[in-house]
Amino acid sequence: MKKILYILTVAIVVFFTSCEKATEFSNNAPRIELLTPTLTGVIGNTVTIQAKLEDDFVLKYAKITCPSLSLNQMVNITVKGLPTKVATDVIKSSADFSYTFTIPTVAVHGTDYEITLQVKNVTGQSSFASITLHVD
């Protein structure tokens, strides 16, 4: 009886340890591939920043900033157009990230502006990319 109980216990332990999901965690910064590294438009026109965002763990948010244009916007990461609803959503990539804005009246014709895209993951790692906006 002890032998059967021993074999059964070993079998259960082997079964449950083999069912454990191995989690590969790295503390790397998110990756940004700009699909629109340069934007052009006139004051009052709408332009769209597009990028592919990836992370080894979970993306948290993107932030678009350009102090000269008074642009400072936090953007929830989306997947297939659906915003994240809870902190536990596992979003490792957003191939269709986009942010649309209107070129404000504070912009000056013939000027290039540097817009910064910051992407942060849940571990606190950030990546930055620069987009050039040329105002005609």
N, C-alpha and C. Protein backbone atom coordinates (compact mmCIF):
# COMPACT_ATOMS: atom_id res chain seq x y z
N MET A 1 0.82 -1.19 0.00
CA MET A 1 0.00 0.00 0.00
C MET A 1 0.87 1.26 0.00
N LYS A 2 1.96 1.23 0.81
CA LYS A 2 2.86 2.37 0.87
C LYS A 2 3.51 2.61 -0.48
N LYS A 3 3.82 1.54 -1.18
CA LYS A 3 4.46 1.65 -2.48
C LYS A 3 3.51 2.30 -3.48
N ILE A 4 2.26 1.93 -3.48
CA ILE A 4 1.26 2.52 -4.38
C ILE A 4 1.04 3.99 -4.06
N LEU A 5 0.96 4.28 -2.77
CA LEU A 5 0.79 5.67 -2.34
C LEU A 5 2.00 6.52 -2.76
N TYR A 6 3.20 5.96 -2.64
CA TYR A 6 4.42 6.65 -3.04
C TYR A 6 4.41 6.92 -4.54
N ILE A 7 4.07 5.93 -5.34
CA ILE A 7 4.03 6.06 -6.80
C ILE A 7 2.98 7.09 -7.20
N LEU A 8 1.83 7.04 -6.56
CA LEU A 8 0.75 7.99 -6.84
C LEU A 8 1.18 9.42 -6.50
N THR A 9 1.85 9.59 -5.37
CA THR A 9 2.33 10.92 -4.96
C THR A 9 3.36 11.45 -5.96
N VAL A 10 4.28 10.62 -6.37
CA VAL A 10 5.30 11.03 -7.34
C VAL A 10 4.63 11.39 -8.67
N ALA A 11 3.65 10.61 -9.08
CA ALA A 11 2.96 10.89 -10.34
C ALA A 11 2.23 12.23 -10.28
N ILE A 12 1.59 12.53 -9.16
CA ILE A 12 0.87 13.80 -9.00
C ILE A 12 1.85 14.97 -9.02
N VAL A 13 2.96 14.84 -8.33
CA VAL A 13 3.97 15.90 -8.29
C VAL A 13 4.53 16.14 -9.69
N VAL A 14 4.85 15.07 -10.41
CA VAL A 14 5.37 15.20 -11.77
C VAL A 14 4.34 15.86 -12.67
N PHE A 15 3.09 15.48 -12.53
CA PHE A 15 2.02 16.04 -13.35
C PHE A 15 1.89 17.55 -13.13
N PHE A 16 1.82 17.95 -11.87
CA PHE A 16 1.62 19.38 -11.58
C PHE A 16 2.85 20.22 -11.90
N THR A 17 4.04 19.69 -11.72
CA THR A 17 5.22 20.48 -12.07
C THR A 17 5.38 20.59 -13.57
N SER A 18 4.92 19.61 -14.32
CA SER A 18 5.00 19.69 -15.78
C SER A 18 3.93 20.64 -16.33
N CYS A 19 2.88 20.89 -15.58
CA CYS A 19 1.82 21.80 -16.01
C CYS A 19 2.13 23.26 -15.72
N GLU A 20 3.16 23.51 -14.92
CA GLU A 20 3.51 24.90 -14.62
C GLU A 20 3.94 25.60 -15.89
N LYS A 21 3.42 26.79 -16.05
CA LYS A 21 3.76 27.57 -17.23
C LYS A 21 5.05 28.34 -16.94
N ALA A 22 6.03 28.11 -17.75
CA ALA A 22 7.29 28.83 -17.58
C ALA A 22 7.10 30.25 -18.07
N THR A 23 7.42 31.20 -17.26
CA THR A 23 7.29 32.59 -17.67
C THR A 23 8.68 33.14 -17.93
N GLU A 24 8.86 33.62 -19.14
CA GLU A 24 10.12 34.24 -19.48
C GLU A 24 9.94 35.73 -19.26
N PHE A 25 10.68 36.28 -18.35
CA PHE A 25 10.55 37.69 -18.05
C PHE A 25 11.89 38.36 -18.28
N SER A 26 11.84 39.41 -19.04
CA SER A 26 13.04 40.22 -19.22
C SER A 26 12.66 41.65 -18.87
N ASN A 27 13.61 42.38 -18.45
CA ASN A 27 13.35 43.76 -18.06
C ASN A 27 13.83 44.71 -19.16
N ASN A 28 13.60 44.31 -20.42
CA ASN A 28 13.99 45.14 -21.55
C ASN A 28 12.99 46.25 -21.76
N ALA A 29 13.45 47.33 -22.33
CA ALA A 29 12.57 48.45 -22.67
C ALA A 29 11.70 48.07 -23.86
N PRO A 30 10.53 48.69 -23.99
CA PRO A 30 9.67 48.41 -25.14
C PRO A 30 10.38 48.82 -26.44
N ARG A 31 9.93 48.24 -27.54
CA ARG A 31 10.48 48.56 -28.86
C ARG A 31 9.46 49.39 -29.64
N ILE A 32 9.97 50.39 -30.35
CA ILE A 32 9.13 51.28 -31.14
C ILE A 32 9.62 51.25 -32.58
N GLU A 33 8.72 50.96 -33.50
CA GLU A 33 9.01 51.08 -34.92
C GLU A 33 8.07 52.15 -35.47
N LEU A 34 8.62 53.29 -35.81
CA LEU A 34 7.80 54.38 -36.34
C LEU A 34 7.41 54.09 -37.77
N LEU A 35 6.12 54.12 -38.04
CA LEU A 35 5.63 53.95 -39.40
C LEU A 35 5.50 55.32 -40.08
N THR A 36 5.49 56.38 -39.28
CA THR A 36 5.45 57.76 -39.79
C THR A 36 6.52 58.58 -39.07
N PRO A 37 7.80 58.42 -39.45
CA PRO A 37 8.85 59.17 -38.76
C PRO A 37 8.83 60.67 -39.08
N THR A 38 8.18 61.04 -40.21
CA THR A 38 8.07 62.43 -40.61
C THR A 38 6.64 62.73 -40.98
N LEU A 39 6.13 63.83 -40.46
CA LEU A 39 4.78 64.29 -40.77
C LEU A 39 4.86 65.67 -41.41
N THR A 40 3.95 65.96 -42.33
CA THR A 40 3.88 67.27 -42.97
C THR A 40 2.44 67.71 -43.01
N GLY A 41 2.21 68.98 -42.74
CA GLY A 41 0.86 69.51 -42.80
C GLY A 41 0.85 71.01 -42.62
N VAL A 42 -0.31 71.59 -42.72
CA VAL A 42 -0.48 73.02 -42.50
C VAL A 42 -1.28 73.22 -41.22
N ILE A 43 -1.21 74.43 -40.69
CA ILE A 43 -1.93 74.75 -39.46
C ILE A 43 -3.42 74.46 -39.68
N GLY A 44 -4.00 73.73 -38.72
CA GLY A 44 -5.41 73.36 -38.80
C GLY A 44 -5.65 72.00 -39.44
N ASN A 45 -4.64 71.44 -40.10
CA ASN A 45 -4.77 70.10 -40.68
C ASN A 45 -4.60 69.03 -39.62
N THR A 46 -5.15 67.86 -39.88
CA THR A 46 -5.03 66.71 -39.00
C THR A 46 -3.91 65.82 -39.51
N VAL A 47 -3.04 65.39 -38.60
CA VAL A 47 -1.96 64.45 -38.94
C VAL A 47 -2.04 63.27 -37.98
N THR A 48 -1.48 62.14 -38.40
CA THR A 48 -1.56 60.92 -37.60
C THR A 48 -0.18 60.30 -37.42
N ILE A 49 0.17 60.06 -36.17
CA ILE A 49 1.40 59.33 -35.83
C ILE A 49 1.02 57.86 -35.80
N GLN A 50 1.78 57.03 -36.51
CA GLN A 50 1.53 55.59 -36.52
C GLN A 50 2.82 54.86 -36.15
N ALA A 51 2.66 53.81 -35.35
CA ALA A 51 3.83 53.05 -34.92
C ALA A 51 3.44 51.62 -34.59
N LYS A 52 4.45 50.78 -34.58
CA LYS A 52 4.30 49.41 -34.10
C LYS A 52 5.05 49.34 -32.79
N LEU A 53 4.36 48.96 -31.73
CA LEU A 53 4.95 48.90 -30.40
C LEU A 53 5.01 47.46 -29.93
N GLU A 54 6.12 47.08 -29.31
CA GLU A 54 6.27 45.71 -28.81
C GLU A 54 6.99 45.72 -27.47
N ASP A 55 6.70 44.71 -26.68
CA ASP A 55 7.36 44.56 -25.39
C ASP A 55 7.45 43.09 -25.04
N ASP A 56 8.44 42.72 -24.25
CA ASP A 56 8.58 41.33 -23.81
C ASP A 56 7.56 40.97 -22.74
N PHE A 57 7.02 41.98 -22.09
CA PHE A 57 6.09 41.72 -20.99
C PHE A 57 4.75 42.38 -21.29
N VAL A 58 4.45 43.52 -20.72
CA VAL A 58 3.15 44.15 -20.93
C VAL A 58 3.33 45.64 -21.15
N LEU A 59 2.79 46.16 -22.25
CA LEU A 59 2.80 47.59 -22.51
C LEU A 59 1.80 48.28 -21.61
N LYS A 60 2.13 49.49 -21.18
CA LYS A 60 1.26 50.22 -20.27
C LYS A 60 0.62 51.43 -20.96
N TYR A 61 1.43 52.35 -21.44
CA TYR A 61 0.87 53.53 -22.11
C TYR A 61 1.90 54.14 -23.05
N ALA A 62 1.41 55.04 -23.88
CA ALA A 62 2.26 55.85 -24.74
C ALA A 62 1.97 57.31 -24.40
N LYS A 63 2.99 58.13 -24.54
CA LYS A 63 2.82 59.55 -24.25
C LYS A 63 3.40 60.33 -25.43
N ILE A 64 2.62 61.28 -25.93
CA ILE A 64 3.02 62.11 -27.05
C ILE A 64 3.28 63.51 -26.51
N THR A 65 4.48 64.05 -26.73
CA THR A 65 4.79 65.38 -26.22
C THR A 65 5.52 66.23 -27.25
N CYS A 66 5.19 67.52 -27.24
CA CYS A 66 5.90 68.54 -28.00
C CYS A 66 5.60 69.87 -27.30
N PRO A 67 6.47 70.30 -26.39
CA PRO A 67 6.20 71.52 -25.63
C PRO A 67 5.93 72.75 -26.51
N SER A 68 6.63 72.87 -27.65
CA SER A 68 6.44 74.03 -28.53
C SER A 68 5.02 74.12 -29.08
N LEU A 69 4.36 72.97 -29.20
CA LEU A 69 2.99 72.93 -29.73
C LEU A 69 1.96 72.69 -28.63
N SER A 70 2.40 72.78 -27.38
CA SER A 70 1.53 72.50 -26.22
C SER A 70 0.88 71.13 -26.33
N LEU A 71 1.65 70.16 -26.79
CA LEU A 71 1.16 68.80 -26.98
C LEU A 71 1.72 67.94 -25.85
N ASN A 72 0.83 67.39 -25.02
CA ASN A 72 1.21 66.53 -23.91
C ASN A 72 0.04 65.60 -23.62
N GLN A 73 0.04 64.44 -24.28
CA GLN A 73 -1.12 63.56 -24.23
C GLN A 73 -0.72 62.13 -23.87
N MET A 74 -1.35 61.58 -22.85
CA MET A 74 -1.17 60.18 -22.47
C MET A 74 -2.19 59.36 -23.26
N VAL A 75 -1.74 58.27 -23.86
CA VAL A 75 -2.60 57.46 -24.71
C VAL A 75 -2.57 56.02 -24.21
N ASN A 76 -3.74 55.44 -23.97
CA ASN A 76 -3.81 54.02 -23.62
C ASN A 76 -3.39 53.19 -24.83
N ILE A 77 -2.63 52.15 -24.57
CA ILE A 77 -2.23 51.24 -25.64
C ILE A 77 -3.47 50.47 -26.08
N THR A 78 -3.62 50.30 -27.38
CA THR A 78 -4.77 49.56 -27.89
C THR A 78 -4.31 48.37 -28.73
N VAL A 79 -5.14 47.38 -28.78
CA VAL A 79 -4.93 46.23 -29.65
C VAL A 79 -6.18 46.09 -30.50
N LYS A 80 -6.01 46.14 -31.80
CA LYS A 80 -7.12 46.04 -32.74
C LYS A 80 -8.24 47.03 -32.40
N GLY A 81 -7.84 48.22 -32.00
CA GLY A 81 -8.80 49.27 -31.73
C GLY A 81 -9.52 49.19 -30.39
N LEU A 82 -9.18 48.21 -29.57
CA LEU A 82 -9.84 48.07 -28.28
C LEU A 82 -8.93 48.59 -27.18
N PRO A 83 -9.35 49.58 -26.39
CA PRO A 83 -8.48 50.08 -25.33
C PRO A 83 -8.37 49.07 -24.19
N THR A 84 -7.27 49.17 -23.45
CA THR A 84 -7.13 48.31 -22.29
C THR A 84 -8.17 48.70 -21.25
N LYS A 85 -8.73 47.71 -20.60
CA LYS A 85 -9.79 47.97 -19.63
C LYS A 85 -9.31 47.81 -18.19
N VAL A 86 -8.39 46.90 -17.98
CA VAL A 86 -7.90 46.66 -16.62
C VAL A 86 -6.39 46.51 -16.64
N ALA A 87 -5.79 46.68 -15.50
CA ALA A 87 -4.32 46.61 -15.41
C ALA A 87 -3.81 45.21 -15.72
N THR A 88 -4.66 44.21 -15.66
CA THR A 88 -4.20 42.84 -15.88
C THR A 88 -4.23 42.42 -17.35
N ASP A 89 -4.71 43.29 -18.23
CA ASP A 89 -4.69 42.96 -19.65
C ASP A 89 -3.25 42.73 -20.09
N VAL A 90 -3.01 41.62 -20.77
CA VAL A 90 -1.66 41.31 -21.22
C VAL A 90 -1.53 41.77 -22.66
N ILE A 91 -0.87 42.90 -22.84
CA ILE A 91 -0.71 43.46 -24.17
C ILE A 91 0.78 43.53 -24.46
N LYS A 92 1.23 42.65 -25.34
CA LYS A 92 2.64 42.60 -25.66
C LYS A 92 2.97 43.39 -26.92
N SER A 93 1.96 43.68 -27.72
CA SER A 93 2.23 44.47 -28.92
C SER A 93 0.99 45.21 -29.36
N SER A 94 1.23 46.25 -30.08
CA SER A 94 0.15 47.04 -30.66
C SER A 94 0.61 47.44 -32.04
N ALA A 95 0.34 46.59 -33.01
CA ALA A 95 0.81 46.83 -34.37
C ALA A 95 0.10 48.00 -35.02
N ASP A 96 -1.04 48.38 -34.49
CA ASP A 96 -1.83 49.43 -35.13
C ASP A 96 -1.96 50.67 -34.25
N PHE A 97 -0.92 51.01 -33.48
CA PHE A 97 -0.97 52.19 -32.64
C PHE A 97 -1.02 53.44 -33.52
N SER A 98 -1.95 54.33 -33.21
CA SER A 98 -2.00 55.60 -33.92
C SER A 98 -2.53 56.70 -33.00
N TYR A 99 -2.09 57.90 -33.28
CA TYR A 99 -2.53 59.07 -32.53
C TYR A 99 -2.73 60.20 -33.53
N THR A 100 -3.93 60.73 -33.58
CA THR A 100 -4.28 61.79 -34.52
C THR A 100 -4.46 63.10 -33.76
N PHE A 101 -3.91 64.17 -34.33
CA PHE A 101 -4.09 65.49 -33.72
C PHE A 101 -4.11 66.55 -34.81
N THR A 102 -4.62 67.70 -34.45
CA THR A 102 -4.69 68.84 -35.36
C THR A 102 -3.51 69.76 -35.07
N ILE A 103 -2.84 70.19 -36.12
CA ILE A 103 -1.72 71.11 -35.95
C ILE A 103 -2.27 72.43 -35.41
N PRO A 104 -1.81 72.83 -34.21
CA PRO A 104 -2.42 74.00 -33.56
C PRO A 104 -1.99 75.33 -34.18
N THR A 105 -2.72 76.37 -33.84
CA THR A 105 -2.45 77.69 -34.39
C THR A 105 -1.16 78.30 -33.84
N VAL A 106 -0.60 77.73 -32.77
CA VAL A 106 0.67 78.24 -32.25
C VAL A 106 1.86 77.81 -33.12
N ALA A 107 1.63 76.89 -34.06
CA ALA A 107 2.69 76.45 -34.97
C ALA A 107 3.06 77.58 -35.93
N VAL A 108 4.31 77.58 -36.38
CA VAL A 108 4.81 78.60 -37.29
C VAL A 108 5.07 77.96 -38.65
N HIS A 109 4.58 78.60 -39.71
CA HIS A 109 4.81 78.11 -41.08
C HIS A 109 6.30 77.95 -41.34
N GLY A 110 6.67 76.86 -42.02
CA GLY A 110 8.06 76.62 -42.39
C GLY A 110 8.94 76.11 -41.26
N THR A 111 8.35 75.71 -40.16
CA THR A 111 9.11 75.26 -38.99
C THR A 111 8.99 73.75 -38.82
N ASP A 112 10.09 73.15 -38.39
CA ASP A 112 10.09 71.73 -38.03
C ASP A 112 9.98 71.61 -36.52
N TYR A 113 9.14 70.70 -36.07
CA TYR A 113 8.94 70.45 -34.64
C TYR A 113 9.29 69.01 -34.34
N GLU A 114 9.91 68.79 -33.20
CA GLU A 114 10.22 67.42 -32.77
C GLU A 114 9.15 66.96 -31.79
N ILE A 115 8.46 65.90 -32.16
CA ILE A 115 7.44 65.30 -31.30
C ILE A 115 8.05 64.03 -30.71
N THR A 116 7.91 63.86 -29.41
CA THR A 116 8.46 62.69 -28.74
C THR A 116 7.36 61.69 -28.43
N LEU A 117 7.61 60.44 -28.80
CA LEU A 117 6.72 59.33 -28.45
C LEU A 117 7.43 58.51 -27.39
N GLN A 118 6.85 58.46 -26.21
CA GLN A 118 7.39 57.65 -25.12
C GLN A 118 6.45 56.48 -24.90
N VAL A 119 7.02 55.28 -24.80
CA VAL A 119 6.23 54.09 -24.53
C VAL A 119 6.77 53.47 -23.26
N LYS A 120 5.86 53.14 -22.34
CA LYS A 120 6.27 52.59 -21.04
C LYS A 120 5.59 51.24 -20.83
N ASN A 121 6.35 50.30 -20.23
CA ASN A 121 5.76 49.01 -19.88
C ASN A 121 5.48 48.97 -18.38
N VAL A 122 4.87 47.90 -17.91
CA VAL A 122 4.45 47.82 -16.51
C VAL A 122 5.62 47.68 -15.54
N THR A 123 6.80 47.35 -16.04
CA THR A 123 7.96 47.27 -15.16
C THR A 123 8.65 48.62 -15.00
N GLY A 124 8.14 49.64 -15.70
CA GLY A 124 8.71 50.98 -15.59
C GLY A 124 9.74 51.32 -16.64
N GLN A 125 10.05 50.39 -17.52
CA GLN A 125 11.01 50.65 -18.59
C GLN A 125 10.34 51.50 -19.68
N SER A 126 11.06 52.49 -20.19
CA SER A 126 10.53 53.36 -21.23
C SER A 126 11.43 53.37 -22.45
N SER A 127 10.83 53.62 -23.59
CA SER A 127 11.56 53.86 -24.84
C SER A 127 11.04 55.15 -25.42
N PHE A 128 11.90 55.80 -26.20
CA PHE A 128 11.55 57.08 -26.80
C PHE A 128 11.85 57.05 -28.29
N ALA A 129 11.02 57.73 -29.06
CA ALA A 129 11.25 57.91 -30.49
C ALA A 129 10.87 59.33 -30.85
N SER A 130 11.55 59.88 -31.83
CA SER A 130 11.28 61.25 -32.26
C SER A 130 10.64 61.27 -33.63
N ILE A 131 9.60 62.06 -33.75
CA ILE A 131 8.89 62.25 -35.01
C ILE A 131 9.07 63.72 -35.39
N THR A 132 9.39 63.97 -36.66
CA THR A 132 9.54 65.34 -37.12
C THR A 132 8.24 65.78 -37.79
N LEU A 133 7.73 66.91 -37.34
CA LEU A 133 6.54 67.52 -37.95
C LEU A 133 6.99 68.78 -38.68
N HIS A 134 6.80 68.80 -40.00
CA HIS A 134 7.11 69.99 -40.78
C HIS A 134 5.81 70.70 -41.09
N VAL A 135 5.72 71.95 -40.67
CA VAL A 135 4.53 72.76 -40.90
C VAL A 135 4.78 73.60 -42.16
N ASP A 136 3.97 73.36 -43.18
CA ASP A 136 4.09 74.12 -44.45
C ASP A 136 3.44 75.48 -44.31
